Protein backbone atom coordinates (compact mmCIF):
# COMPACT_ATOMS: atom_id res chain seq x y z
CA MET A 1 0.17 -0.04 -0.17
CA ILE A 2 3.03 2.59 0.90
CA ASP A 3 4.22 1.39 -2.82
CA ALA A 4 0.94 2.48 -4.28
CA LEU A 5 0.72 5.56 -2.58
CA ARG A 6 4.05 6.80 -3.38
CA LEU A 7 3.72 6.25 -7.15
CA GLU A 8 0.60 8.06 -6.81
CA TRP A 9 2.01 11.00 -4.96
CA VAL A 10 4.30 11.16 -8.15
CA ARG A 11 1.64 10.85 -10.75
CA LEU A 12 -0.40 13.25 -9.13
CA ARG A 13 2.71 16.33 -8.63
CA THR A 14 4.60 15.13 -12.17
CA VAL A 15 1.70 15.69 -14.02
CA ARG A 16 0.76 19.00 -15.84
CA SER A 17 -2.47 19.22 -15.13
CA THR A 18 -2.63 18.72 -11.76
CA TYR A 19 -1.79 22.25 -11.18
CA TRP A 20 -3.76 23.45 -13.89
CA LEU A 21 -7.33 21.96 -12.50
CA ILE A 22 -6.57 22.67 -8.86
CA GLY A 23 -5.57 25.96 -9.71
CA LEU A 24 -8.62 27.12 -11.41
CA ALA A 25 -10.47 25.19 -8.50
CA ILE A 26 -8.88 27.36 -5.93
CA ALA A 27 -8.99 31.02 -8.59
CA LEU A 28 -12.46 31.10 -9.83
CA PRO A 29 -14.19 31.53 -5.74
CA ALA A 30 -11.25 33.50 -5.42
CA VAL A 31 -12.11 36.01 -8.47
CA LEU A 32 -15.54 35.75 -7.08
CA THR A 33 -15.47 36.22 -3.35
CA GLY A 34 -13.03 39.05 -4.37
CA LEU A 35 -15.42 41.12 -6.56
CA VAL A 36 -18.40 40.80 -4.05
CA GLY A 37 -16.50 41.53 -1.01
CA TYR A 38 -14.86 44.99 -2.83
CA PHE A 39 -18.24 45.79 -4.50
CA SER A 40 -20.35 45.13 -0.99
CA ARG A 41 -17.85 46.85 0.82
CA ASN A 42 -19.70 49.53 2.09
CA ASP A 43 -23.44 47.42 2.54
CA GLU A 44 -23.96 44.48 5.18
CA LEU A 45 -23.23 40.73 3.82
CA GLU A 46 -24.95 38.07 5.63
CA ALA A 47 -23.13 34.92 6.27
CA SER A 48 -25.09 32.84 4.16
CA ILE A 49 -24.43 34.76 1.21
CA ALA A 50 -20.91 35.30 2.06
CA VAL A 51 -20.60 31.20 2.10
CA ALA A 52 -22.39 31.23 -1.05
CA PHE A 53 -19.96 33.10 -2.98
CA MET A 54 -17.13 31.74 -0.61
CA THR A 55 -17.63 28.27 -2.38
CA GLY A 56 -17.88 29.50 -5.59
CA GLY A 57 -21.56 29.50 -5.69
CA VAL A 58 -21.82 25.81 -5.93
CA ALA A 59 -25.19 25.62 -4.85
CA LEU A 60 -26.86 28.60 -6.46
CA PHE A 61 -25.86 26.92 -10.42
CA PRO A 62 -26.53 23.82 -12.19
CA LEU A 63 -22.81 23.16 -12.90
CA PRO A 64 -20.70 23.35 -9.75
CA LEU A 65 -17.62 24.67 -11.37
CA PRO A 66 -15.41 23.96 -8.37
CA ALA A 67 -16.56 20.56 -7.76
CA VAL A 68 -16.30 19.33 -11.66
CA LEU A 69 -12.60 20.36 -11.49
CA VAL A 70 -12.19 18.13 -8.60
CA GLY A 71 -14.09 15.65 -10.36
CA ILE A 72 -12.23 15.95 -13.64
CA LEU A 73 -8.92 15.49 -11.64
CA GLY A 74 -10.61 12.08 -10.43
CA VAL A 75 -11.02 11.13 -13.81
CA LEU A 76 -7.65 11.77 -14.75
CA SER A 77 -5.88 10.16 -11.82
CA ILE A 78 -7.40 6.71 -13.85
CA GLY A 79 -8.24 8.47 -17.27
CA HIS A 80 -4.45 8.97 -17.69
CA GLU A 81 -3.19 5.30 -17.47
CA TYR A 82 -6.08 4.01 -19.91
CA ARG A 83 -5.41 6.81 -22.43
CA HIS A 84 -1.56 6.23 -22.60
CA ALA A 85 -1.73 2.22 -22.06
CA THR A 86 0.76 2.70 -18.92
CA ILE A 87 -1.98 0.68 -16.66
CA ARG A 88 -0.11 -2.87 -17.60
CA PRO A 89 3.09 -1.74 -16.02
CA THR A 90 1.08 -0.27 -13.17
CA LEU A 91 -0.41 -3.69 -11.91
CA THR A 92 2.63 -5.18 -13.24
CA ALA A 93 4.88 -3.46 -10.63
CA LEU A 94 1.70 -3.22 -8.28
CA PRO A 95 -0.76 -6.24 -9.09
CA ALA A 96 -2.17 -6.12 -5.46
CA ARG A 97 -5.23 -4.03 -7.53
CA SER A 98 -7.40 -3.06 -4.67
CA HIS A 99 -3.99 -1.59 -3.10
CA LEU A 100 -3.85 0.69 -6.08
CA VAL A 101 -7.62 1.81 -6.06
CA GLY A 102 -7.04 2.40 -2.34
CA ALA A 103 -4.05 4.75 -2.41
CA LYS A 104 -5.87 6.64 -5.78
CA LEU A 105 -9.03 7.09 -3.22
CA VAL A 106 -6.50 7.91 -0.68
CA VAL A 107 -4.46 10.92 -2.94
CA ILE A 108 -8.07 11.68 -4.26
CA VAL A 109 -9.85 12.72 -0.81
CA ALA A 110 -6.92 14.30 0.76
CA THR A 111 -6.72 16.77 -2.25
CA ALA A 112 -9.88 17.60 -2.44
CA THR A 113 -10.09 18.41 1.39
CA VAL A 114 -6.97 20.08 0.63
CA VAL A 115 -8.39 22.20 -2.50
CA GLY A 116 -11.39 22.93 -0.21
CA VAL A 117 -9.76 24.15 2.93
CA VAL A 118 -7.33 26.31 0.94
CA THR A 119 -10.19 27.92 -0.97
CA LEU A 120 -12.59 28.55 2.03
CA ALA A 121 -8.79 30.54 4.09
CA LEU A 122 -8.70 32.28 0.99
CA ASN A 123 -11.77 33.37 0.47
CA TYR A 124 -12.56 34.13 3.72
CA ALA A 125 -9.22 36.01 3.95
CA LEU A 126 -10.48 38.17 1.03
CA LEU A 127 -13.90 39.41 2.61
CA ALA A 128 -11.94 40.30 5.69
CA VAL A 129 -9.32 42.52 3.76
CA THR A 130 -12.67 43.84 1.38
CA ARG A 131 -14.90 44.75 3.32
CA GLY A 132 -14.36 42.69 6.95
CA ALA A 133 -14.26 39.33 8.16
CA PRO A 134 -18.08 38.05 8.04
CA GLU A 135 -19.61 36.07 11.57
CA MET A 136 -20.46 32.88 10.46
CA ASP A 137 -23.51 31.38 12.21
CA ALA A 138 -24.10 27.44 12.85
CA ASN A 139 -25.91 27.02 9.19
CA ALA A 140 -22.91 28.88 7.52
CA ARG A 141 -20.45 26.42 9.14
CA ALA A 142 -22.27 23.67 7.72
CA ALA A 143 -22.35 24.85 4.27
CA ILE A 144 -18.46 25.20 4.73
CA THR A 145 -18.18 21.49 5.62
CA GLY A 146 -20.53 20.42 3.25
CA TYR A 147 -18.41 22.23 0.56
CA VAL A 148 -15.39 20.20 1.59
CA VAL A 149 -17.22 16.64 1.60
CA LEU A 150 -18.98 18.04 -2.10
CA LEU A 151 -15.46 17.97 -3.24
CA ILE A 152 -14.29 14.54 -2.12
CA LEU A 153 -17.65 13.35 -3.18
CA TRP A 154 -17.06 14.45 -7.16
CA GLY A 155 -13.24 13.41 -6.82
CA ILE A 156 -14.47 9.82 -6.24
CA VAL A 157 -17.44 10.25 -8.66
CA GLY A 158 -15.02 10.91 -11.24
CA LEU A 159 -12.72 8.36 -10.35
CA GLY A 160 -15.25 5.26 -9.93
CA ALA A 161 -16.91 6.42 -13.03
CA THR A 162 -13.86 6.42 -15.15
CA LEU A 163 -12.25 2.79 -13.72
CA LEU A 164 -16.11 1.64 -14.06
CA THR A 165 -16.06 2.47 -17.92
CA ARG A 166 -12.26 2.52 -18.86
CA ILE A 167 -13.17 5.53 -21.36
CA MET A 168 -12.43 8.81 -20.29
CA ALA A 169 -13.48 10.65 -23.02
CA LEU A 170 -16.98 9.51 -21.97
CA VAL A 171 -17.01 10.30 -18.54
CA LEU A 172 -15.48 13.62 -19.04
CA PRO A 173 -18.85 15.14 -20.89
CA LEU A 174 -20.90 13.16 -18.55
CA LEU A 175 -19.45 15.29 -15.63
CA PHE A 176 -21.01 18.30 -17.49
CA VAL A 177 -23.71 17.13 -19.11
CA LEU A 178 -25.75 15.01 -15.93
CA PRO A 179 -25.60 18.38 -13.53
CA LEU A 180 -26.28 20.90 -16.70
CA VAL A 181 -28.65 19.74 -18.96
CA ILE A 182 -30.20 15.93 -18.19
CA GLU A 183 -31.33 16.60 -13.96
CA PRO A 184 -32.36 20.04 -15.20
CA VAL A 185 -34.55 18.95 -17.86
CA LEU A 186 -35.72 15.83 -15.65
CA SER A 187 -36.38 18.38 -12.80
CA VAL A 188 -38.87 20.33 -15.06
CA LEU A 189 -40.66 17.64 -16.84
CA THR A 190 -42.05 16.90 -13.30
CA PHE A 191 -43.78 20.14 -13.84
CA ILE A 192 -45.84 18.87 -16.37
CA PRO A 193 -49.62 18.05 -14.77
CA ALA A 194 -49.56 13.91 -15.98
CA LEU A 195 -45.46 13.85 -14.68
CA GLU A 196 -46.86 15.90 -10.97
CA ASP A 197 -46.63 12.80 -9.31
CA LEU A 198 -42.85 12.39 -9.87
CA ARG A 199 -42.36 15.87 -8.44
CA PRO A 200 -40.52 14.38 -4.84
CA ALA A 201 -38.80 11.74 -6.78
CA ALA A 202 -36.84 14.54 -8.03
CA ARG A 203 -35.20 15.45 -4.91
CA PHE A 204 -33.29 12.41 -5.28
CA LEU A 205 -31.43 13.68 -8.43
CA PRO A 206 -27.88 12.79 -7.37
CA PHE A 207 -25.92 16.04 -8.50
CA THR A 208 -28.84 18.28 -7.77
CA ALA A 209 -28.72 16.79 -4.06
CA GLY A 210 -25.05 16.78 -3.78
CA SER A 211 -24.47 20.74 -4.65
CA GLN A 212 -27.44 21.33 -1.60
CA LEU A 213 -24.46 20.41 0.50
CA ALA A 214 -22.86 24.11 0.45
CA GLN A 215 -26.05 25.37 0.34
CA SER A 216 -26.63 28.48 2.95
CA LEU A 217 -29.63 30.28 1.97
CA SER A 218 -33.05 29.49 2.11
CA PRO A 219 -35.75 28.80 0.38
CA ASN A 220 -37.22 32.34 1.10
CA GLU A 221 -33.42 34.02 0.15
CA LEU A 222 -33.53 31.66 -3.22
CA GLY A 223 -37.03 33.44 -3.80
CA THR A 224 -37.87 29.15 -4.70
CA ALA A 225 -40.36 29.09 -1.57
CA ASP A 226 -43.10 27.40 -2.54
CA PRO A 227 -45.92 26.16 -0.33
CA ASN A 228 -47.38 23.30 -2.55
CA ALA A 229 -43.49 22.16 -3.38
CA PRO A 230 -42.59 18.59 -1.61
CA GLN A 231 -40.74 19.34 1.74
CA PRO A 232 -36.75 20.01 0.89
CA LEU A 233 -34.04 17.20 2.13
CA SER A 234 -32.04 18.49 4.70
CA ARG A 235 -28.28 18.76 4.20
CA VAL A 236 -27.51 15.58 5.61
CA GLU A 237 -30.22 13.68 3.36
CA ASN A 238 -29.05 15.34 0.45
CA GLY A 239 -25.00 14.35 1.28
CA ALA A 240 -26.57 10.98 1.64
CA VAL A 241 -28.23 10.83 -1.71
CA PHE A 242 -25.06 11.84 -3.35
CA ALA A 243 -22.87 9.45 -1.00
CA ALA A 244 -25.15 6.40 -2.03
CA PHE A 245 -24.98 7.78 -5.84
CA THR A 246 -20.83 7.70 -5.64
CA MET A 247 -20.88 4.26 -3.71
CA LEU A 248 -23.17 3.10 -6.32
CA VAL A 249 -20.67 4.32 -9.26
CA LEU A 250 -17.37 2.85 -7.19
CA ALA A 251 -18.26 -0.67 -6.23
CA PRO A 252 -18.76 -2.28 -9.33
CA ALA A 253 -15.66 -0.09 -10.91
CA TRP A 254 -13.50 -1.08 -7.70
CA LEU A 255 -15.37 -4.59 -8.45
CA LEU A 256 -14.79 -5.41 -11.73
CA PHE A 257 -11.15 -3.86 -11.76
CA SER A 258 -10.44 -6.28 -9.25
CA ARG A 259 -11.39 -9.02 -11.40
CA ARG A 260 -11.28 -8.26 -15.21
CA ASP A 261 -8.26 -7.66 -17.61
CA ALA A 262 -6.63 -4.97 -17.26
C-alpha cells in the first residue's frame, strides 16, 4: 500500500493538468469572492450570502465548477493510465489491485480536502481584507463543511466512473451534461401535469442533491419558496443521496477492476 501511495503522489505532482485543475478550482471562487467583497464593502453582507460566494456559488448554479474540476482530477487519476496504456506496467509493478485503487482514493480525497480548505481560507481572507470578516453562524459553518464533502464526493465519482467504463472521453462530457442538462430537464418535466406525481422524486437526483451540501441560503432568500412544493431534504439527507450515488458508481467499478483484465 505504501508503494501504491508513493506512486500516486509522484503521478499527481508530475502531471501538468493537476496544477491547472487545482489552480482553477481555487482561483474561480477567489475571483468571485474578491469582486463581491470589493463591490459590497459599504453594504451589510450576511453570513449565508458570504458563504455562497466563498464556495464559488456551487449551490446556486446547475454546474458547480470547482467540484467539476476536482471531478476531472479524479477522472485523470486513472484515465491517463488507460489513455497512454501505462496501466499494464503499473499493475505489473503493483499486482495488488485493491491497493492501487485505495491509494488513488486516498490521494483524491486528500487533494480535494486541501483544495476545499485552501479555497475557503483564501476567500474568507479576501472578504476580511475587502469589507471585514463576516461572522459565521451554524448554518454557514455547515455549508462550509458540506462544500469540502462535495469536492471529495465529486473526485470519487470521477475516479469511479472512469474505472468502471475505462473511457475517459465518455466520462468527461458526462460530468458536464448530467448536472447541467439532464437533471435540470428531468426536474422541469415534473411540472407537466401528467408527471406531477414524480415531483418528490426529483429531490433525489444525485448531482442536484449533492450541490445542496454547500447551500447556505434558505428557499426564501433564493426566491424559490413554494408552499405546494414537496418538503426539501435536509443537508444530511442530500449528502446521503449523493454519497449513495457515489458508492453505486465506485463499488462495481472497484469489483470489476479487481476481476477483469487491465
